Amino acid sequence: MAPTVDDAKHELNRKLYDALLKEEEDKRPLALQRMMSSFVCSIVRKPSPLTIPSKNEQRELIETVIANLPQEKTSRSSTATRILFGLLKTAKILNASEECKAALEKKIGSQLEQATLDDLLILSYSYLNEMLYNVDCVERILGYFLDGFEVRSASRIEGEDENSGVRSTELMLVGKLIDGYLSEIASDAKLKPKKRALNNLAIVLEH
């Protein structure tokens, strides 16, 4: 079967992405991460009228981007974390694979202390879910943060008093973040059981 116009458009987008990735691969991880996010947004949110990709093409694109995110730790900054949340929200809108979304949630969880309240306000895009916000996603991200914290604490060696202080600060920051999140979603009566569980975690984290 001869390639269609849509096939040609799709191949062009993939070649453009590959070229950008090759050009940026030697640069800092945060710069690469920002470039990837911008590329996805330009294709998904503001496509050219002449090359509007299908939803399947958009989904494949963001899954490719997420699969190629730097494996090493990126800059632990609010900017890097905001970029990751942006990719996650886009992945949910496009119904990307569970593996893809889980990879992003784990990456976000590793630097949750850098997140803001706006980052956590992830809308629930499921018609089967009457809740406004995706609290399950936030719970998973918090779980990944706590798992990582336990691993770092278990591998701690004597003489790391300074790092211990940093870890305590991370816990307090995340505790306050979750507390603020609970206040923001307090008006949703359907979240009572989940709010109770998150509230207990927030209290423990802050203390």
N, C-alpha and C. Protein backbone atom coordinates (compact mmCIF):
# COMPACT_ATOMS: atom_id res chain seq x y z
N MET A 1 0.85 -1.20 0.00
CA MET A 1 0.00 0.00 0.00
C MET A 1 0.88 1.25 0.00
N ALA A 2 0.57 2.17 -0.87
CA ALA A 2 1.36 3.40 -0.97
C ALA A 2 1.16 4.26 0.27
N PRO A 3 2.22 4.95 0.73
CA PRO A 3 2.09 5.81 1.91
C PRO A 3 1.12 6.94 1.66
N THR A 4 0.34 7.28 2.68
CA THR A 4 -0.64 8.36 2.57
C THR A 4 -0.01 9.68 2.99
N VAL A 5 -0.77 10.75 2.81
CA VAL A 5 -0.29 12.07 3.25
C VAL A 5 -0.08 12.07 4.75
N ASP A 6 -1.00 11.42 5.50
CA ASP A 6 -0.86 11.36 6.95
C ASP A 6 0.40 10.61 7.35
N ASP A 7 0.72 9.54 6.61
CA ASP A 7 1.96 8.81 6.89
C ASP A 7 3.17 9.71 6.71
N ALA A 8 3.15 10.51 5.67
CA ALA A 8 4.26 11.42 5.40
C ALA A 8 4.39 12.46 6.51
N LYS A 9 3.25 12.98 6.96
CA LYS A 9 3.27 13.98 8.04
C LYS A 9 3.84 13.37 9.32
N HIS A 10 3.38 12.16 9.61
CA HIS A 10 3.83 11.48 10.82
C HIS A 10 5.34 11.24 10.77
N GLU A 11 5.84 10.80 9.63
CA GLU A 11 7.27 10.53 9.47
C GLU A 11 8.07 11.81 9.60
N LEU A 12 7.52 12.91 9.09
CA LEU A 12 8.20 14.20 9.19
C LEU A 12 8.33 14.63 10.64
N ASN A 13 7.26 14.46 11.42
CA ASN A 13 7.30 14.81 12.84
C ASN A 13 8.32 13.97 13.58
N ARG A 14 8.37 12.66 13.28
CA ARG A 14 9.32 11.79 13.93
C ARG A 14 10.75 12.16 13.58
N LYS A 15 11.00 12.48 12.30
CA LYS A 15 12.35 12.87 11.88
C LYS A 15 12.77 14.17 12.55
N LEU A 16 11.82 15.10 12.66
CA LEU A 16 12.13 16.37 13.32
C LEU A 16 12.49 16.13 14.77
N TYR A 17 11.71 15.28 15.44
CA TYR A 17 11.99 14.97 16.84
C TYR A 17 13.36 14.31 16.99
N ASP A 18 13.66 13.33 16.14
CA ASP A 18 14.95 12.64 16.21
C ASP A 18 16.11 13.60 16.00
N ALA A 19 15.92 14.55 15.08
CA ALA A 19 16.97 15.54 14.81
C ALA A 19 17.19 16.43 16.02
N LEU A 20 16.10 16.86 16.64
CA LEU A 20 16.21 17.70 17.83
C LEU A 20 16.89 16.95 18.96
N LEU A 21 16.52 15.68 19.14
CA LEU A 21 17.09 14.88 20.20
C LEU A 21 18.59 14.70 20.00
N LYS A 22 19.01 14.43 18.76
CA LYS A 22 20.43 14.23 18.47
C LYS A 22 21.22 15.51 18.71
N GLU A 23 20.61 16.64 18.35
CA GLU A 23 21.30 17.93 18.51
C GLU A 23 21.49 18.29 19.98
N GLU A 24 20.52 17.88 20.82
CA GLU A 24 20.54 18.29 22.21
C GLU A 24 21.14 17.25 23.16
N GLU A 25 21.47 16.07 22.67
CA GLU A 25 21.81 14.97 23.56
C GLU A 25 23.06 15.23 24.40
N ASP A 26 23.94 16.13 23.95
CA ASP A 26 25.15 16.42 24.71
C ASP A 26 24.97 17.57 25.69
N LYS A 27 23.80 18.15 25.70
CA LYS A 27 23.56 19.28 26.59
C LYS A 27 23.06 18.80 27.95
N ARG A 28 22.89 19.73 28.88
CA ARG A 28 22.46 19.38 30.22
C ARG A 28 21.07 18.73 30.19
N PRO A 29 20.82 17.77 31.10
CA PRO A 29 19.53 17.07 31.12
C PRO A 29 18.33 18.00 31.20
N LEU A 30 18.41 19.06 32.01
CA LEU A 30 17.27 19.96 32.15
C LEU A 30 16.97 20.65 30.83
N ALA A 31 18.01 21.05 30.10
CA ALA A 31 17.80 21.70 28.81
C ALA A 31 17.14 20.74 27.84
N LEU A 32 17.58 19.48 27.85
CA LEU A 32 16.99 18.47 26.98
C LEU A 32 15.53 18.23 27.37
N GLN A 33 15.27 18.17 28.66
CA GLN A 33 13.91 17.95 29.15
C GLN A 33 13.00 19.09 28.72
N ARG A 34 13.50 20.31 28.83
CA ARG A 34 12.71 21.49 28.44
C ARG A 34 12.43 21.47 26.94
N MET A 35 13.45 21.11 26.16
CA MET A 35 13.29 21.05 24.71
C MET A 35 12.22 20.03 24.33
N MET A 36 12.26 18.86 24.96
CA MET A 36 11.29 17.82 24.66
C MET A 36 9.87 18.28 24.98
N SER A 37 9.71 18.91 26.14
CA SER A 37 8.39 19.38 26.55
C SER A 37 7.86 20.42 25.58
N SER A 38 8.71 21.35 25.17
CA SER A 38 8.30 22.40 24.23
C SER A 38 7.89 21.80 22.89
N PHE A 39 8.64 20.78 22.45
CA PHE A 39 8.33 20.15 21.17
C PHE A 39 6.97 19.48 21.21
N VAL A 40 6.70 18.76 22.30
CA VAL A 40 5.40 18.10 22.45
C VAL A 40 4.27 19.12 22.45
N CYS A 41 4.45 20.20 23.21
CA CYS A 41 3.40 21.23 23.28
C CYS A 41 3.13 21.85 21.92
N SER A 42 4.19 22.07 21.14
CA SER A 42 4.02 22.70 19.84
C SER A 42 3.24 21.81 18.88
N ILE A 43 3.40 20.50 19.02
CA ILE A 43 2.70 19.57 18.14
C ILE A 43 1.29 19.28 18.63
N VAL A 44 1.16 19.07 19.96
CA VAL A 44 -0.12 18.65 20.53
C VAL A 44 -1.09 19.80 20.72
N ARG A 45 -0.59 20.91 21.25
CA ARG A 45 -1.50 22.00 21.62
C ARG A 45 -1.66 23.05 20.53
N LYS A 46 -0.63 23.27 19.74
CA LYS A 46 -0.71 24.30 18.71
C LYS A 46 -0.20 23.76 17.37
N PRO A 47 -0.85 22.74 16.86
CA PRO A 47 -0.37 22.15 15.60
C PRO A 47 -0.61 23.07 14.42
N SER A 48 0.22 22.92 13.41
CA SER A 48 0.02 23.68 12.18
C SER A 48 -1.24 23.18 11.49
N PRO A 49 -2.05 24.09 10.93
CA PRO A 49 -3.28 23.67 10.23
C PRO A 49 -3.00 22.68 9.10
N LEU A 50 -1.78 22.72 8.56
CA LEU A 50 -1.44 21.86 7.44
C LEU A 50 -0.95 20.49 7.87
N THR A 51 -0.54 20.37 9.15
CA THR A 51 0.02 19.10 9.62
C THR A 51 -0.55 18.73 10.98
N ILE A 52 -1.87 18.66 11.08
CA ILE A 52 -2.50 18.30 12.35
C ILE A 52 -2.36 16.80 12.57
N PRO A 53 -1.60 16.39 13.60
CA PRO A 53 -1.42 14.96 13.84
C PRO A 53 -2.67 14.34 14.47
N SER A 54 -2.89 13.07 14.21
CA SER A 54 -4.02 12.38 14.82
C SER A 54 -3.71 12.16 16.30
N LYS A 55 -4.75 11.77 17.06
CA LYS A 55 -4.54 11.53 18.49
C LYS A 55 -3.57 10.38 18.71
N ASN A 56 -3.63 9.37 17.86
CA ASN A 56 -2.70 8.24 17.99
C ASN A 56 -1.27 8.69 17.75
N GLU A 57 -1.07 9.57 16.79
CA GLU A 57 0.27 10.10 16.51
C GLU A 57 0.76 10.93 17.69
N GLN A 58 -0.13 11.74 18.26
CA GLN A 58 0.24 12.55 19.41
C GLN A 58 0.61 11.65 20.59
N ARG A 59 -0.17 10.58 20.79
CA ARG A 59 0.11 9.66 21.89
C ARG A 59 1.47 8.98 21.68
N GLU A 60 1.73 8.55 20.46
CA GLU A 60 3.01 7.90 20.17
C GLU A 60 4.17 8.86 20.37
N LEU A 61 3.95 10.11 20.01
CA LEU A 61 4.99 11.12 20.16
C LEU A 61 5.36 11.32 21.62
N ILE A 62 4.34 11.52 22.47
CA ILE A 62 4.66 11.79 23.87
C ILE A 62 5.24 10.56 24.55
N GLU A 63 4.82 9.36 24.15
CA GLU A 63 5.41 8.15 24.72
C GLU A 63 6.88 8.03 24.32
N THR A 64 7.20 8.45 23.10
CA THR A 64 8.59 8.44 22.65
C THR A 64 9.42 9.45 23.44
N VAL A 65 8.86 10.62 23.66
CA VAL A 65 9.55 11.66 24.42
C VAL A 65 9.83 11.18 25.84
N ILE A 66 8.82 10.63 26.49
CA ILE A 66 8.98 10.19 27.87
C ILE A 66 9.99 9.05 27.97
N ALA A 67 9.97 8.15 26.99
CA ALA A 67 10.92 7.03 26.99
C ALA A 67 12.36 7.51 26.84
N ASN A 68 12.54 8.69 26.24
CA ASN A 68 13.89 9.21 26.00
C ASN A 68 14.30 10.30 26.99
N LEU A 69 13.53 10.49 28.05
CA LEU A 69 13.94 11.44 29.08
C LEU A 69 15.25 10.96 29.70
N PRO A 70 16.13 11.88 30.07
CA PRO A 70 17.42 11.49 30.66
C PRO A 70 17.23 10.58 31.86
N GLN A 71 17.99 9.49 31.91
CA GLN A 71 17.89 8.56 33.03
C GLN A 71 18.55 9.12 34.27
N GLU A 72 19.61 9.91 34.08
CA GLU A 72 20.28 10.47 35.24
C GLU A 72 19.40 11.54 35.87
N LYS A 73 19.73 11.89 37.10
CA LYS A 73 18.93 12.89 37.80
C LYS A 73 19.02 14.22 37.08
N THR A 74 17.86 14.82 36.85
CA THR A 74 17.84 16.15 36.27
C THR A 74 17.98 17.15 37.39
N SER A 75 18.07 18.42 37.04
CA SER A 75 18.16 19.46 38.04
C SER A 75 16.97 19.37 38.99
N ARG A 76 17.26 19.30 40.29
CA ARG A 76 16.19 19.23 41.28
C ARG A 76 15.69 20.64 41.54
N SER A 77 14.93 21.16 40.61
CA SER A 77 14.42 22.52 40.71
C SER A 77 12.93 22.52 40.41
N SER A 78 12.28 23.63 40.78
CA SER A 78 10.85 23.74 40.52
C SER A 78 10.58 23.75 39.02
N THR A 79 11.53 24.30 38.24
CA THR A 79 11.35 24.34 36.78
C THR A 79 11.34 22.93 36.20
N ALA A 80 12.31 22.12 36.59
CA ALA A 80 12.38 20.74 36.09
C ALA A 80 11.14 19.95 36.49
N THR A 81 10.70 20.14 37.72
CA THR A 81 9.52 19.42 38.21
C THR A 81 8.27 19.87 37.48
N ARG A 82 8.15 21.17 37.23
CA ARG A 82 6.98 21.69 36.51
C ARG A 82 6.91 21.11 35.09
N ILE A 83 8.07 20.97 34.45
CA ILE A 83 8.11 20.38 33.11
C ILE A 83 7.60 18.94 33.14
N LEU A 84 8.03 18.18 34.14
CA LEU A 84 7.60 16.79 34.26
C LEU A 84 6.09 16.70 34.49
N PHE A 85 5.56 17.57 35.33
CA PHE A 85 4.12 17.58 35.57
C PHE A 85 3.36 17.94 34.29
N GLY A 86 3.91 18.86 33.51
CA GLY A 86 3.28 19.22 32.24
C GLY A 86 3.20 18.04 31.29
N LEU A 87 4.29 17.28 31.23
CA LEU A 87 4.30 16.08 30.39
C LEU A 87 3.29 15.04 30.90
N LEU A 88 3.21 14.90 32.23
CA LEU A 88 2.29 13.93 32.81
C LEU A 88 0.84 14.29 32.49
N LYS A 89 0.50 15.57 32.64
CA LYS A 89 -0.87 16.00 32.36
C LYS A 89 -1.22 15.77 30.88
N THR A 90 -0.26 16.04 30.00
CA THR A 90 -0.48 15.81 28.58
C THR A 90 -0.63 14.33 28.29
N ALA A 91 0.18 13.51 28.95
CA ALA A 91 0.10 12.05 28.76
C ALA A 91 -1.26 11.52 29.19
N LYS A 92 -1.82 12.08 30.24
CA LYS A 92 -3.14 11.64 30.71
C LYS A 92 -4.23 12.07 29.73
N ILE A 93 -4.12 13.27 29.20
CA ILE A 93 -5.11 13.75 28.22
C ILE A 93 -5.11 12.85 26.99
N LEU A 94 -3.92 12.43 26.56
CA LEU A 94 -3.79 11.60 25.35
C LEU A 94 -3.96 10.12 25.63
N ASN A 95 -4.21 9.78 26.91
CA ASN A 95 -4.40 8.38 27.29
C ASN A 95 -3.18 7.54 26.91
N ALA A 96 -2.01 8.02 27.29
CA ALA A 96 -0.77 7.29 27.04
C ALA A 96 -0.76 6.00 27.85
N SER A 97 0.18 5.12 27.56
CA SER A 97 0.23 3.82 28.22
C SER A 97 0.47 3.98 29.72
N GLU A 98 0.00 2.98 30.50
CA GLU A 98 0.19 3.01 31.95
C GLU A 98 1.67 3.01 32.30
N GLU A 99 2.45 2.26 31.53
CA GLU A 99 3.90 2.21 31.76
C GLU A 99 4.52 3.59 31.60
N CYS A 100 4.09 4.30 30.60
CA CYS A 100 4.59 5.64 30.32
C CYS A 100 4.25 6.59 31.46
N LYS A 101 3.00 6.57 31.91
CA LYS A 101 2.57 7.47 32.98
C LYS A 101 3.24 7.11 34.31
N ALA A 102 3.41 5.81 34.56
CA ALA A 102 4.05 5.37 35.79
C ALA A 102 5.51 5.84 35.85
N ALA A 103 6.19 5.80 34.71
CA ALA A 103 7.59 6.25 34.65
C ALA A 103 7.69 7.73 35.02
N LEU A 104 6.75 8.52 34.53
CA LEU A 104 6.75 9.94 34.86
C LEU A 104 6.42 10.17 36.33
N GLU A 105 5.45 9.45 36.85
CA GLU A 105 5.07 9.60 38.26
C GLU A 105 6.24 9.27 39.17
N LYS A 106 6.99 8.23 38.83
CA LYS A 106 8.16 7.86 39.64
C LYS A 106 9.22 8.94 39.58
N LYS A 107 9.44 9.49 38.40
CA LYS A 107 10.45 10.54 38.24
C LYS A 107 10.05 11.78 39.03
N ILE A 108 8.76 12.12 38.99
CA ILE A 108 8.27 13.26 39.76
C ILE A 108 8.40 12.99 41.26
N GLY A 109 8.07 11.75 41.67
CA GLY A 109 8.16 11.40 43.07
C GLY A 109 9.56 11.56 43.64
N SER A 110 10.57 11.38 42.80
CA SER A 110 11.95 11.49 43.26
C SER A 110 12.35 12.92 43.59
N GLN A 111 11.53 13.89 43.18
CA GLN A 111 11.84 15.30 43.46
C GLN A 111 10.58 16.07 43.83
N LEU A 112 9.68 15.39 44.55
CA LEU A 112 8.39 15.98 44.90
C LEU A 112 8.52 17.23 45.75
N GLU A 113 9.61 17.32 46.52
CA GLU A 113 9.78 18.51 47.38
C GLU A 113 9.91 19.80 46.58
N GLN A 114 10.17 19.68 45.27
CA GLN A 114 10.30 20.86 44.41
C GLN A 114 8.98 21.24 43.73
N ALA A 115 7.93 20.48 43.97
CA ALA A 115 6.65 20.73 43.32
C ALA A 115 5.90 21.88 43.99
N THR A 116 4.94 22.44 43.27
CA THR A 116 4.08 23.49 43.81
C THR A 116 2.65 22.97 43.86
N LEU A 117 1.79 23.71 44.54
CA LEU A 117 0.39 23.32 44.64
C LEU A 117 -0.25 23.22 43.25
N ASP A 118 0.05 24.17 42.38
CA ASP A 118 -0.51 24.13 41.02
C ASP A 118 -0.12 22.86 40.29
N ASP A 119 1.11 22.39 40.53
CA ASP A 119 1.56 21.15 39.89
C ASP A 119 0.66 19.97 40.27
N LEU A 120 0.28 19.92 41.54
CA LEU A 120 -0.49 18.78 42.05
C LEU A 120 -1.96 18.79 41.61
N LEU A 121 -2.45 19.92 41.16
CA LEU A 121 -3.86 20.02 40.78
C LEU A 121 -4.06 19.41 39.39
N ILE A 122 -3.98 18.10 39.34
CA ILE A 122 -4.15 17.34 38.10
C ILE A 122 -5.62 16.98 37.95
N LEU A 123 -6.24 17.43 36.90
CA LEU A 123 -7.66 17.16 36.70
C LEU A 123 -7.90 15.69 36.40
N SER A 124 -9.07 15.21 36.78
CA SER A 124 -9.46 13.85 36.46
C SER A 124 -10.14 13.86 35.09
N TYR A 125 -9.51 13.22 34.13
CA TYR A 125 -10.01 13.25 32.76
C TYR A 125 -10.90 12.06 32.43
N SER A 126 -11.22 11.25 33.45
CA SER A 126 -12.04 10.06 33.22
C SER A 126 -13.52 10.39 33.39
N TYR A 127 -14.33 9.96 32.42
CA TYR A 127 -15.78 10.16 32.52
C TYR A 127 -16.38 9.28 33.61
N LEU A 128 -15.66 8.25 34.02
CA LEU A 128 -16.15 7.33 35.04
C LEU A 128 -15.88 7.84 36.44
N ASN A 129 -15.09 8.90 36.55
CA ASN A 129 -14.70 9.43 37.85
C ASN A 129 -15.38 10.78 38.06
N GLU A 130 -16.20 10.89 39.09
CA GLU A 130 -16.93 12.12 39.34
C GLU A 130 -16.10 13.16 40.07
N MET A 131 -14.94 12.78 40.55
CA MET A 131 -14.09 13.72 41.27
C MET A 131 -13.43 14.70 40.30
N LEU A 132 -13.25 15.94 40.75
CA LEU A 132 -12.65 16.96 39.90
C LEU A 132 -11.15 16.71 39.70
N TYR A 133 -10.46 16.36 40.78
CA TYR A 133 -9.01 16.19 40.71
C TYR A 133 -8.61 14.72 40.82
N ASN A 134 -7.48 14.40 40.21
CA ASN A 134 -6.97 13.03 40.20
C ASN A 134 -6.13 12.80 41.46
N VAL A 135 -6.82 12.49 42.55
CA VAL A 135 -6.15 12.28 43.83
C VAL A 135 -5.35 10.99 43.83
N ASP A 136 -5.82 9.98 43.11
CA ASP A 136 -5.09 8.71 43.05
C ASP A 136 -3.68 8.92 42.50
N CYS A 137 -3.56 9.78 41.51
CA CYS A 137 -2.26 10.07 40.92
C CYS A 137 -1.33 10.72 41.95
N VAL A 138 -1.87 11.68 42.71
CA VAL A 138 -1.06 12.35 43.73
C VAL A 138 -0.65 11.36 44.81
N GLU A 139 -1.55 10.45 45.17
CA GLU A 139 -1.21 9.43 46.16
C GLU A 139 -0.06 8.55 45.67
N ARG A 140 -0.11 8.18 44.41
CA ARG A 140 0.98 7.34 43.86
C ARG A 140 2.30 8.10 43.87
N ILE A 141 2.26 9.35 43.44
CA ILE A 141 3.49 10.16 43.42
C ILE A 141 4.06 10.30 44.82
N LEU A 142 3.19 10.54 45.80
CA LEU A 142 3.63 10.64 47.19
C LEU A 142 4.23 9.31 47.65
N GLY A 143 3.63 8.21 47.23
CA GLY A 143 4.17 6.89 47.58
C GLY A 143 5.56 6.68 47.01
N TYR A 144 5.78 7.11 45.77
CA TYR A 144 7.11 6.99 45.16
C TYR A 144 8.13 7.86 45.90
N PHE A 145 7.69 9.03 46.33
CA PHE A 145 8.58 9.90 47.11
C PHE A 145 9.00 9.21 48.40
N LEU A 146 8.03 8.64 49.12
CA LEU A 146 8.33 7.98 50.39
C LEU A 146 9.20 6.75 50.19
N ASP A 147 8.95 6.00 49.11
CA ASP A 147 9.80 4.83 48.81
C ASP A 147 11.24 5.27 48.60
N GLY A 148 11.43 6.33 47.82
CA GLY A 148 12.77 6.83 47.56
C GLY A 148 13.43 7.35 48.81
N PHE A 149 12.64 7.99 49.67
CA PHE A 149 13.17 8.52 50.92
C PHE A 149 13.66 7.39 51.81
N GLU A 150 12.90 6.30 51.87
CA GLU A 150 13.30 5.15 52.69
C GLU A 150 14.58 4.52 52.17
N VAL A 151 14.70 4.44 50.86
CA VAL A 151 15.91 3.86 50.26
C VAL A 151 17.12 4.71 50.60
N ARG A 152 16.98 6.04 50.46
CA ARG A 152 18.10 6.93 50.77
C ARG A 152 18.46 6.86 52.25
N SER A 153 17.46 6.75 53.11
CA SER A 153 17.71 6.66 54.55
C SER A 153 18.40 5.35 54.91
N ALA A 154 17.99 4.26 54.26
CA ALA A 154 18.58 2.95 54.54
C ALA A 154 20.04 2.88 54.11
N SER A 155 20.39 3.64 53.07
CA SER A 155 21.76 3.60 52.56
C SER A 155 22.65 4.66 53.21
N ARG A 156 22.09 5.36 54.19
CA ARG A 156 22.84 6.42 54.86
C ARG A 156 24.02 5.81 55.63
N ILE A 157 25.15 6.48 55.58
CA ILE A 157 26.32 6.04 56.33
C ILE A 157 26.63 7.06 57.41
N GLU A 158 27.42 6.67 58.40
CA GLU A 158 27.74 7.56 59.51
C GLU A 158 28.49 8.79 59.00
N GLY A 159 28.20 9.91 59.63
CA GLY A 159 28.88 11.15 59.25
C GLY A 159 28.11 11.96 58.24
N GLU A 160 26.90 11.54 57.87
CA GLU A 160 26.11 12.27 56.89
C GLU A 160 25.09 13.17 57.57
N ASP A 161 25.50 13.85 58.62
CA ASP A 161 24.57 14.71 59.36
C ASP A 161 23.97 15.78 58.47
N GLU A 162 24.79 16.34 57.58
CA GLU A 162 24.30 17.40 56.70
C GLU A 162 23.21 16.87 55.77
N ASN A 163 23.44 15.70 55.18
CA ASN A 163 22.43 15.11 54.31
C ASN A 163 21.17 14.74 55.07
N SER A 164 21.33 14.35 56.34
CA SER A 164 20.18 14.03 57.16
C SER A 164 19.29 15.25 57.33
N GLY A 165 19.93 16.42 57.49
CA GLY A 165 19.17 17.66 57.61
C GLY A 165 18.42 17.98 56.35
N VAL A 166 19.05 17.71 55.21
CA VAL A 166 18.39 17.95 53.92
C VAL A 166 17.17 17.06 53.78
N ARG A 167 17.30 15.80 54.18
CA ARG A 167 16.17 14.88 54.08
C ARG A 167 15.01 15.33 54.97
N SER A 168 15.34 15.83 56.17
CA SER A 168 14.29 16.31 57.06
C SER A 168 13.56 17.49 56.44
N THR A 169 14.31 18.37 55.77
CA THR A 169 13.70 19.51 55.10
C THR A 169 12.79 19.06 53.98
N GLU A 170 13.22 18.05 53.24
CA GLU A 170 12.39 17.51 52.15
C GLU A 170 11.07 17.00 52.69
N LEU A 171 11.12 16.28 53.82
CA LEU A 171 9.89 15.75 54.41
C LEU A 171 8.94 16.87 54.80
N MET A 172 9.48 17.92 55.42
CA MET A 172 8.63 19.03 55.85
C MET A 172 8.02 19.75 54.66
N LEU A 173 8.81 19.94 53.60
CA LEU A 173 8.30 20.61 52.41
C LEU A 173 7.15 19.82 51.78
N VAL A 174 7.34 18.51 51.67
CA VAL A 174 6.30 17.68 51.08
C VAL A 174 5.07 17.63 51.98
N GLY A 175 5.29 17.60 53.30
CA GLY A 175 4.17 17.61 54.23
C GLY A 175 3.32 18.86 54.08
N LYS A 176 3.97 20.01 53.98
CA LYS A 176 3.25 21.28 53.80
C LYS A 176 2.56 21.32 52.43
N LEU A 177 3.21 20.75 51.43
CA LEU A 177 2.63 20.72 50.09
C LEU A 177 1.33 19.90 50.09
N ILE A 178 1.36 18.73 50.72
CA ILE A 178 0.17 17.89 50.78
C ILE A 178 -0.92 18.55 51.61
N ASP A 179 -0.51 19.23 52.68
CA ASP A 179 -1.48 19.95 53.51
C ASP A 179 -2.20 21.02 52.70
N GLY A 180 -1.44 21.76 51.89
CA GLY A 180 -2.03 22.78 51.03
C GLY A 180 -2.94 22.16 49.98
N TYR A 181 -2.54 21.01 49.47
CA TYR A 181 -3.34 20.30 48.47
C TYR A 181 -4.68 19.88 49.07
N LEU A 182 -4.65 19.38 50.29
CA LEU A 182 -5.88 18.96 50.96
C LEU A 182 -6.82 20.13 51.17
N SER A 183 -6.27 21.28 51.51
CA SER A 183 -7.10 22.47 51.70
C SER A 183 -7.76 22.88 50.39
N GLU A 184 -7.02 22.72 49.29
CA GLU A 184 -7.53 23.13 47.98
C GLU A 184 -8.68 22.23 47.52
N ILE A 185 -8.60 20.94 47.83
CA ILE A 185 -9.62 20.00 47.35
C ILE A 185 -10.69 19.72 48.40
N ALA A 186 -10.68 20.48 49.49
CA ALA A 186 -11.56 20.20 50.63
C ALA A 186 -13.04 20.25 50.28
N SER A 187 -13.41 21.01 49.26
CA SER A 187 -14.83 21.18 48.94
C SER A 187 -15.44 19.95 48.25
N ASP A 188 -14.61 19.02 47.82
CA ASP A 188 -15.11 17.83 47.13
C ASP A 188 -15.49 16.76 48.16
N ALA A 189 -16.79 16.60 48.41
CA ALA A 189 -17.27 15.67 49.44
C ALA A 189 -16.91 14.22 49.11
N LYS A 190 -16.74 13.90 47.85
CA LYS A 190 -16.47 12.52 47.44
C LYS A 190 -15.06 12.07 47.82
N LEU A 191 -14.25 13.02 48.27
CA LEU A 191 -12.85 12.69 48.56
C LEU A 191 -12.60 12.42 50.04
N LYS A 192 -13.64 12.37 50.87
CA LYS A 192 -13.44 12.26 52.32
C LYS A 192 -12.49 11.14 52.74
N PRO A 193 -12.71 9.89 52.29
CA PRO A 193 -11.79 8.81 52.71
C PRO A 193 -10.36 9.07 52.28
N LYS A 194 -10.18 9.55 51.05
CA LYS A 194 -8.83 9.80 50.53
C LYS A 194 -8.19 10.97 51.28
N LYS A 195 -9.00 12.01 51.56
CA LYS A 195 -8.46 13.17 52.26
C LYS A 195 -7.98 12.78 53.65
N ARG A 196 -8.71 11.88 54.30
CA ARG A 196 -8.32 11.46 55.64
C ARG A 196 -6.96 10.77 55.60
N ALA A 197 -6.76 9.89 54.63
CA ALA A 197 -5.49 9.18 54.51
C ALA A 197 -4.35 10.13 54.19
N LEU A 198 -4.58 11.05 53.25
CA LEU A 198 -3.54 12.02 52.89
C LEU A 198 -3.24 12.96 54.04
N ASN A 199 -4.28 13.33 54.80
CA ASN A 199 -4.08 14.24 55.93
C ASN A 199 -3.20 13.59 56.99
N ASN A 200 -3.42 12.31 57.26
CA ASN A 200 -2.58 11.60 58.22
C ASN A 200 -1.13 11.59 57.77
N LEU A 201 -0.92 11.37 56.47
CA LEU A 201 0.44 11.38 55.93
C LEU A 201 1.07 12.75 56.06
N ALA A 202 0.30 13.79 55.77
CA ALA A 202 0.82 15.16 55.84
C ALA A 202 1.27 15.49 57.26
N ILE A 203 0.49 15.07 58.25
CA ILE A 203 0.84 15.33 59.65
C ILE A 203 2.15 14.64 60.01
N VAL A 204 2.29 13.39 59.59
CA VAL A 204 3.52 12.63 59.87
C VAL A 204 4.72 13.28 59.19
N LEU A 205 4.56 13.70 57.93
CA LEU A 205 5.67 14.28 57.18
C LEU A 205 6.14 15.59 57.80
N GLU A 206 5.21 16.41 58.26
CA GLU A 206 5.57 17.72 58.81
C GLU A 206 6.22 17.61 60.17
N HIS A 207 6.07 16.47 60.81
CA HIS A 207 6.65 16.29 62.14
C HIS A 207 7.75 15.23 62.12
